[in-house]
Amino acid sequence: MTILVRLDVLLAERKMKSRELAQYIGITEPNLSLLKSGKVKGIRFDTLEKICEALKCQPGDLLEYRADTPGEDQA
């Protein structure tokens, strides 16, 4: 199972810089970068809420689930 984070796509569509979003939601740019790259294990609901508020989107617009295909290595 893979959860893809589409934050880069939404930032580009909204013409918003990572720095602006990080300041708006109250996290550091390095932490936002980790979130954008999908290298985090989870996200707090209050952070998700602030991102959705800033980007005027729904959580489903930010996150996408992809099932593993047969033959893929599973961790």
PDB file of N, CA and C in Angstrom:
ATOM      1  N   MET A   1       0.850  -1.174   0.000  1.00  0.00           N
ATOM      2  CA  MET A   1       0.000   0.000   0.000  1.00  0.00           C
ATOM      3  C   MET A   1       0.893   1.233   0.000  1.00  0.00           C
ATOM      4  N   THR A   2       0.508   2.203  -0.796  1.00  0.00           N
ATOM      5  CA  THR A   2       1.263   3.440  -0.890  1.00  0.00           C
ATOM      6  C   THR A   2       0.309   4.620  -0.792  1.00  0.00           C
ATOM      7  N   ILE A   3       0.674   5.579   0.029  1.00  0.00           N
ATOM      8  CA  ILE A   3      -0.062   6.835   0.106  1.00  0.00           C
ATOM      9  C   ILE A   3       0.797   7.894  -0.566  1.00  0.00           C
ATOM     10  N   LEU A   4       0.287   8.493  -1.624  1.00  0.00           N
ATOM     11  CA  LEU A   4       1.006   9.541  -2.335  1.00  0.00           C
ATOM     12  C   LEU A   4       0.541  10.904  -1.837  1.00  0.00           C
ATOM     13  N   VAL A   5       1.483  11.802  -1.645  1.00  0.00           N
ATOM     14  CA  VAL A   5       1.177  13.161  -1.204  1.00  0.00           C
ATOM     15  C   VAL A   5       1.257  14.064  -2.430  1.00  0.00           C
ATOM     16  N   ARG A   6       0.163  14.728  -2.744  1.00  0.00           N
ATOM     17  CA  ARG A   6       0.068  15.564  -3.942  1.00  0.00           C
ATOM     18  C   ARG A   6       0.237  17.049  -3.619  1.00  0.00           C
ATOM     19  N   LEU A   7       0.975  17.349  -2.586  1.00  0.00           N
ATOM     20  CA  LEU A   7       1.128  18.723  -2.130  1.00  0.00           C
ATOM     21  C   LEU A   7       1.806  19.603  -3.174  1.00  0.00           C
ATOM     22  N   ASP A   8       2.828  19.085  -3.844  1.00  0.00           N
ATOM     23  CA  ASP A   8       3.512  19.861  -4.888  1.00  0.00           C
ATOM     24  C   ASP A   8       2.548  20.273  -5.999  1.00  0.00           C
ATOM     25  N   VAL A   9       1.691  19.350  -6.388  1.00  0.00           N
ATOM     26  CA  VAL A   9       0.727  19.624  -7.455  1.00  0.00           C
ATOM     27  C   VAL A   9      -0.218  20.744  -7.036  1.00  0.00           C
ATOM     28  N   LEU A  10      -0.742  20.649  -5.821  1.00  0.00           N
ATOM     29  CA  LEU A  10      -1.681  21.668  -5.349  1.00  0.00           C
ATOM     30  C   LEU A  10      -1.009  23.020  -5.165  1.00  0.00           C
ATOM     31  N   LEU A  11       0.220  23.020  -4.675  1.00  0.00           N
ATOM     32  CA  LEU A  11       0.950  24.287  -4.544  1.00  0.00           C
ATOM     33  C   LEU A  11       1.124  24.942  -5.913  1.00  0.00           C
ATOM     34  N   ALA A  12       1.461  24.163  -6.910  1.00  0.00           N
ATOM     35  CA  ALA A  12       1.646  24.704  -8.264  1.00  0.00           C
ATOM     36  C   ALA A  12       0.327  25.234  -8.820  1.00  0.00           C
ATOM     37  N   GLU A  13      -0.745  24.474  -8.628  1.00  0.00           N
ATOM     38  CA  GLU A  13      -2.055  24.912  -9.117  1.00  0.00           C
ATOM     39  C   GLU A  13      -2.508  26.207  -8.449  1.00  0.00           C
ATOM     40  N   ARG A  14      -2.167  26.363  -7.168  1.00  0.00           N
ATOM     41  CA  ARG A  14      -2.584  27.558  -6.415  1.00  0.00           C
ATOM     42  C   ARG A  14      -1.567  28.696  -6.521  1.00  0.00           C
ATOM     43  N   LYS A  15      -0.456  28.414  -7.224  1.00  0.00           N
ATOM     44  CA  LYS A  15       0.630  29.398  -7.368  1.00  0.00           C
ATOM     45  C   LYS A  15       1.099  29.910  -5.999  1.00  0.00           C
ATOM     46  N   MET A  16       1.293  28.957  -5.091  1.00  0.00           N
ATOM     47  CA  MET A  16       1.750  29.272  -3.740  1.00  0.00           C
ATOM     48  C   MET A  16       3.126  28.655  -3.536  1.00  0.00           C
ATOM     49  N   LYS A  17       3.998  29.378  -2.872  1.00  0.00           N
ATOM     50  CA  LYS A  17       5.344  28.873  -2.584  1.00  0.00           C
ATOM     51  C   LYS A  17       5.323  28.059  -1.296  1.00  0.00           C
ATOM     52  N   SER A  18       6.247  27.113  -1.217  1.00  0.00           N
ATOM     53  CA  SER A  18       6.362  26.278  -0.021  1.00  0.00           C
ATOM     54  C   SER A  18       6.566  27.135   1.221  1.00  0.00           C
ATOM     55  N   ARG A  19       7.367  28.174   1.097  1.00  0.00           N
ATOM     56  CA  ARG A  19       7.645  29.056   2.232  1.00  0.00           C
ATOM     57  C   ARG A  19       6.353  29.687   2.763  1.00  0.00           C
ATOM     58  N   GLU A  20       5.488  30.137   1.847  1.00  0.00           N
ATOM     59  CA  GLU A  20       4.218  30.748   2.248  1.00  0.00           C
ATOM     60  C   GLU A  20       3.353  29.749   3.008  1.00  0.00           C
ATOM     61  N   LEU A  21       3.261  28.534   2.475  1.00  0.00           N
ATOM     62  CA  LEU A  21       2.439  27.513   3.118  1.00  0.00           C
ATOM     63  C   LEU A  21       3.002  27.149   4.481  1.00  0.00           C
ATOM     64  N   ALA A  22       4.314  26.968   4.566  1.00  0.00           N
ATOM     65  CA  ALA A  22       4.944  26.620   5.846  1.00  0.00           C
ATOM     66  C   ALA A  22       4.652  27.688   6.896  1.00  0.00           C
ATOM     67  N   GLN A  23       4.765  28.953   6.515  1.00  0.00           N
ATOM     68  CA  GLN A  23       4.479  30.043   7.453  1.00  0.00           C
ATOM     69  C   GLN A  23       3.012  30.030   7.862  1.00  0.00           C
ATOM     70  N   TYR A  24       2.119  29.809   6.901  1.00  0.00           N
ATOM     71  CA  TYR A  24       0.682  29.820   7.171  1.00  0.00           C
ATOM     72  C   TYR A  24       0.287  28.723   8.152  1.00  0.00           C
ATOM     73  N   ILE A  25       0.855  27.531   7.960  1.00  0.00           N
ATOM     74  CA  ILE A  25       0.444  26.407   8.811  1.00  0.00           C
ATOM     75  C   ILE A  25       1.301  26.257  10.061  1.00  0.00           C
ATOM     76  N   GLY A  26       2.389  27.033  10.147  1.00  0.00           N
ATOM     77  CA  GLY A  26       3.184  27.042  11.372  1.00  0.00           C
ATOM     78  C   GLY A  26       4.175  25.900  11.508  1.00  0.00           C
ATOM     79  N   ILE A  27       4.736  25.433  10.377  1.00  0.00           N
ATOM     80  CA  ILE A  27       5.798  24.431  10.450  1.00  0.00           C
ATOM     81  C   ILE A  27       7.007  24.957   9.681  1.00  0.00           C
ATOM     82  N   THR A  28       8.143  24.309   9.872  1.00  0.00           N
ATOM     83  CA  THR A  28       9.360  24.751   9.190  1.00  0.00           C
ATOM     84  C   THR A  28       9.341  24.278   7.735  1.00  0.00           C
ATOM     85  N   GLU A  29      10.092  24.962   6.903  1.00  0.00           N
ATOM     86  CA  GLU A  29      10.194  24.545   5.498  1.00  0.00           C
ATOM     87  C   GLU A  29      10.775  23.136   5.360  1.00  0.00           C
ATOM     88  N   PRO A  30      11.820  22.782   6.154  1.00  0.00           N
ATOM     89  CA  PRO A  30      12.322  21.397   6.055  1.00  0.00           C
ATOM     90  C   PRO A  30      11.253  20.354   6.395  1.00  0.00           C
ATOM     91  N   ASN A  31      10.415  20.632   7.391  1.00  0.00           N
ATOM     92  CA  ASN A  31       9.347  19.686   7.725  1.00  0.00           C
ATOM     93  C   ASN A  31       8.306  19.618   6.614  1.00  0.00           C
ATOM     94  N   LEU A  32       8.003  20.753   5.999  1.00  0.00           N
ATOM     95  CA  LEU A  32       7.073  20.753   4.873  1.00  0.00           C
ATOM     96  C   LEU A  32       7.662  19.960   3.707  1.00  0.00           C
ATOM     97  N   SER A  33       8.953  20.092   3.493  1.00  0.00           N
ATOM     98  CA  SER A  33       9.631  19.350   2.430  1.00  0.00           C
ATOM     99  C   SER A  33       9.529  17.842   2.666  1.00  0.00           C
ATOM    100  N   LEU A  34       9.697  17.421   3.911  1.00  0.00           N
ATOM    101  CA  LEU A  34       9.546  15.997   4.243  1.00  0.00           C
ATOM    102  C   LEU A  34       8.127  15.528   3.947  1.00  0.00           C
ATOM    103  N   LEU A  35       7.161  16.352   4.287  1.00  0.00           N
ATOM    104  CA  LEU A  35       5.765  16.011   4.029  1.00  0.00           C
ATOM    105  C   LEU A  35       5.505  15.913   2.522  1.00  0.00           C
ATOM    106  N   LYS A  36       6.019  16.876   1.762  1.00  0.00           N
ATOM    107  CA  LYS A  36       5.827  16.878   0.309  1.00  0.00           C
ATOM    108  C   LYS A  36       6.445  15.650  -0.346  1.00  0.00           C
ATOM    109  N   SER A  37       7.557  15.189   0.181  1.00  0.00           N
ATOM    110  CA  SER A  37       8.248  14.040  -0.413  1.00  0.00           C
ATOM    111  C   SER A  37       7.660  12.706   0.041  1.00  0.00           C
ATOM    112  N   GLY A  38       6.741  12.740   0.996  1.00  0.00           N
ATOM    113  CA  GLY A  38       6.131  11.511   1.483  1.00  0.00           C
ATOM    114  C   GLY A  38       7.005  10.744   2.452  1.00  0.00           C
ATOM    115  N   LYS A  39       8.016  11.406   3.020  1.00  0.00           N
ATOM    116  CA  LYS A  39       8.958  10.734   3.918  1.00  0.00           C
ATOM    117  C   LYS A  39       8.538  10.804   5.382  1.00  0.00           C
ATOM    118  N   VAL A  40       7.277  11.074   5.626  1.00  0.00           N
ATOM    119  CA  VAL A  40       6.776  11.101   6.994  1.00  0.00           C
ATOM    120  C   VAL A  40       5.850   9.902   7.198  1.00  0.00           C
ATOM    121  N   LYS A  41       5.717   9.482   8.434  1.00  0.00           N
ATOM    122  CA  LYS A  41       4.865   8.336   8.750  1.00  0.00           C
ATOM    123  C   LYS A  41       3.424   8.745   9.011  1.00  0.00           C
ATOM    124  N   GLY A  42       3.214  10.033   9.287  1.00  0.00           N
ATOM    125  CA  GLY A  42       1.869  10.491   9.590  1.00  0.00           C
ATOM    126  C   GLY A  42       1.800  12.004   9.573  1.00  0.00           C
ATOM    127  N   ILE A  43       0.580  12.501   9.712  1.00  0.00           N
ATOM    128  CA  ILE A  43       0.350  13.935   9.762  1.00  0.00           C
ATOM    129  C   ILE A  43      -0.732  14.197  10.797  1.00  0.00           C
ATOM    130  N   ARG A  44      -0.528  15.233  11.572  1.00  0.00           N
ATOM    131  CA  ARG A  44      -1.528  15.593  12.578  1.00  0.00           C
ATOM    132  C   ARG A  44      -2.755  16.171  11.881  1.00  0.00           C
ATOM    133  N   PHE A  45      -3.923  15.888  12.437  1.00  0.00           N
ATOM    134  CA  PHE A  45      -5.150  16.396  11.835  1.00  0.00           C
ATOM    135  C   PHE A  45      -5.192  17.916  11.820  1.00  0.00           C
ATOM    136  N   ASP A  46      -4.642  18.562  12.845  1.00  0.00           N
ATOM    137  CA  ASP A  46      -4.675  20.028  12.840  1.00  0.00           C
ATOM    138  C   ASP A  46      -3.779  20.592  11.740  1.00  0.00           C
ATOM    139  N   THR A  47      -2.663  19.919  11.443  1.00  0.00           N
ATOM    140  CA  THR A  47      -1.799  20.339  10.336  1.00  0.00           C
ATOM    141  C   THR A  47      -2.511  20.118   9.008  1.00  0.00           C
ATOM    142  N   LEU A  48      -3.152  18.976   8.855  1.00  0.00           N
ATOM    143  CA  LEU A  48      -3.908  18.676   7.642  1.00  0.00           C
ATOM    144  C   LEU A  48      -5.021  19.704   7.438  1.00  0.00           C
ATOM    145  N   GLU A  49      -5.687  20.061   8.518  1.00  0.00           N
ATOM    146  CA  GLU A  49      -6.758  21.058   8.448  1.00  0.00           C
ATOM    147  C   GLU A  49      -6.227  22.408   7.967  1.00  0.00           C
ATOM    148  N   LYS A  50      -5.077  22.822   8.497  1.00  0.00           N
ATOM    149  CA  LYS A  50      -4.489  24.104   8.096  1.00  0.00           C
ATOM    150  C   LYS A  50      -4.057  24.090   6.633  1.00  0.00           C
ATOM    151  N   ILE A  51      -3.512  22.963   6.182  1.00  0.00           N
ATOM    152  CA  ILE A  51      -3.116  22.847   4.774  1.00  0.00           C
ATOM    153  C   ILE A  51      -4.348  22.967   3.879  1.00  0.00           C
ATOM    154  N   CYS A  52      -5.408  22.255   4.240  1.00  0.00           N
ATOM    155  CA  CYS A  52      -6.643  22.310   3.454  1.00  0.00           C
ATOM    156  C   CYS A  52      -7.225  23.722   3.442  1.00  0.00           C
ATOM    157  N   GLU A  53      -7.149  24.395   4.573  1.00  0.00           N
ATOM    158  CA  GLU A  53      -7.641  25.772   4.659  1.00  0.00           C
ATOM    159  C   GLU A  53      -6.824  26.691   3.751  1.00  0.00           C
ATOM    160  N   ALA A  54      -5.508  26.558   3.798  1.00  0.00           N
ATOM    161  CA  ALA A  54      -4.624  27.419   3.008  1.00  0.00           C
ATOM    162  C   ALA A  54      -4.786  27.178   1.510  1.00  0.00           C
ATOM    163  N   LEU A  55      -4.948  25.916   1.128  1.00  0.00           N
ATOM    164  CA  LEU A  55      -5.022  25.569  -0.291  1.00  0.00           C
ATOM    165  C   LEU A  55      -6.456  25.449  -0.799  1.00  0.00           C
ATOM    166  N   LYS A  56      -7.416  25.671   0.105  1.00  0.00           N
ATOM    167  CA  LYS A  56      -8.840  25.571  -0.247  1.00  0.00           C
ATOM    168  C   LYS A  56      -9.122  24.243  -0.963  1.00  0.00           C
ATOM    169  N   CYS A  57      -8.816  23.165  -0.228  1.00  0.00           N
ATOM    170  CA  CYS A  57      -8.989  21.832  -0.801  1.00  0.00           C
ATOM    171  C   CYS A  57      -9.498  20.875   0.266  1.00  0.00           C
ATOM    172  N   GLN A  58      -9.753  19.657  -0.132  1.00  0.00           N
ATOM    173  CA  GLN A  58     -10.170  18.587   0.762  1.00  0.00           C
ATOM    174  C   GLN A  58      -8.984  17.650   1.000  1.00  0.00           C
ATOM    175  N   PRO A  59      -8.974  16.901   2.124  1.00  0.00           N
ATOM    176  CA  PRO A  59      -7.874  15.966   2.375  1.00  0.00           C
ATOM    177  C   PRO A  59      -7.644  14.993   1.217  1.00  0.00           C
ATOM    178  N   GLY A  60      -8.703  14.580   0.566  1.00  0.00           N
ATOM    179  CA  GLY A  60      -8.578  13.665  -0.564  1.00  0.00           C
ATOM    180  C   GLY A  60      -7.872  14.277  -1.767  1.00  0.00           C
ATOM    181  N   ASP A  61      -7.841  15.608  -1.826  1.00  0.00           N
ATOM    182  CA  ASP A  61      -7.104  16.279  -2.895  1.00  0.00           C
ATOM    183  C   ASP A  61      -5.602  16.200  -2.643  1.00  0.00           C
ATOM    184  N   LEU A  62      -5.219  16.080  -1.375  1.00  0.00           N
ATOM    185  CA  LEU A  62      -3.809  16.055  -0.975  1.00  0.00           C
ATOM    186  C   LEU A  62      -3.208  14.657  -0.981  1.00  0.00           C
ATOM    187  N   LEU A  63      -4.026  13.674  -0.642  1.00  0.00           N
ATOM    188  CA  LEU A  63      -3.535  12.312  -0.450  1.00  0.00           C
ATOM    189  C   LEU A  63      -4.199  11.362  -1.428  1.00  0.00           C
ATOM    190  N   GLU A  64      -3.418  10.437  -1.950  1.00  0.00           N
ATOM    191  CA  GLU A  64      -3.939   9.449  -2.892  1.00  0.00           C
ATOM    192  C   GLU A  64      -3.447   8.069  -2.469  1.00  0.00           C
ATOM    193  N   TYR A  65      -4.363   7.116  -2.410  1.00  0.00           N
ATOM    194  CA  TYR A  65      -4.029   5.740  -2.048  1.00  0.00           C
ATOM    195  C   TYR A  65      -3.804   4.922  -3.311  1.00  0.00           C
ATOM    196  N   ARG A  66      -2.722   4.170  -3.313  1.00  0.00           N
ATOM    197  CA  ARG A  66      -2.453   3.236  -4.409  1.00  0.00           C
ATOM    198  C   ARG A  66      -2.157   1.869  -3.810  1.00  0.00           C
ATOM    199  N   ALA A  67      -2.923   0.887  -4.222  1.00  0.00           N
ATOM    200  CA  ALA A  67      -2.702  -0.478  -3.745  1.00  0.00           C
ATOM    201  C   ALA A  67      -1.440  -1.033  -4.389  1.00  0.00           C
ATOM    202  N   ASP A  68      -0.758  -1.900  -3.663  1.00  0.00           N
ATOM    203  CA  ASP A  68       0.418  -2.566  -4.222  1.00  0.00           C
ATOM    204  C   ASP A  68      -0.020  -3.471  -5.365  1.00  0.00           C
ATOM    205  N   THR A  69       0.803  -3.523  -6.383  1.00  0.00           N
ATOM    206  CA  THR A  69       0.529  -4.442  -7.481  1.00  0.00           C
ATOM    207  C   THR A  69       1.256  -5.752  -7.202  1.00  0.00           C
ATOM    208  N   PRO A  70       0.717  -6.858  -7.666  1.00  0.00           N
ATOM    209  CA  PRO A  70       1.383  -8.144  -7.430  1.00  0.00           C
ATOM    210  C   PRO A  70       2.822  -8.115  -7.928  1.00  0.00           C
ATOM    211  N   GLY A  71       3.715  -8.677  -7.119  1.00  0.00           N
ATOM    212  CA  GLY A  71       5.120  -8.738  -7.492  1.00  0.00           C
ATOM    213  C   GLY A  71       5.956  -7.605  -6.935  1.00  0.00           C
ATOM    214  N   GLU A  72       5.312  -6.580  -6.362  1.00  0.00           N
ATOM    215  CA  GLU A  72       6.081  -5.483  -5.761  1.00  0.00           C
ATOM    216  C   GLU A  72       6.649  -5.939  -4.430  1.00  0.00           C
ATOM    217  N   ASP A  73       7.819  -5.431  -4.104  1.00  0.00           N
ATOM    218  CA  ASP A  73       8.407  -5.716  -2.798  1.00  0.00           C
ATOM    219  C   ASP A  73       7.578  -5.032  -1.734  1.00  0.00           C
ATOM    220  N   GLN A  74       7.286  -5.772  -0.673  1.00  0.00           N
ATOM    221  CA  GLN A  74       6.537  -5.186   0.429  1.00  0.00           C
ATOM    222  C   GLN A  74       7.451  -5.056   1.620  1.00  0.00           C
ATOM    223  N   ALA A  75       7.436  -3.894   2.258  1.00  0.00           N
ATOM    224  CA  ALA A  75       8.307  -3.642   3.414  1.00  0.00           C
ATOM    225  C   ALA A  75       7.660  -4.098   4.688  1.00  0.00           C
TER     226      ALA A  75
END
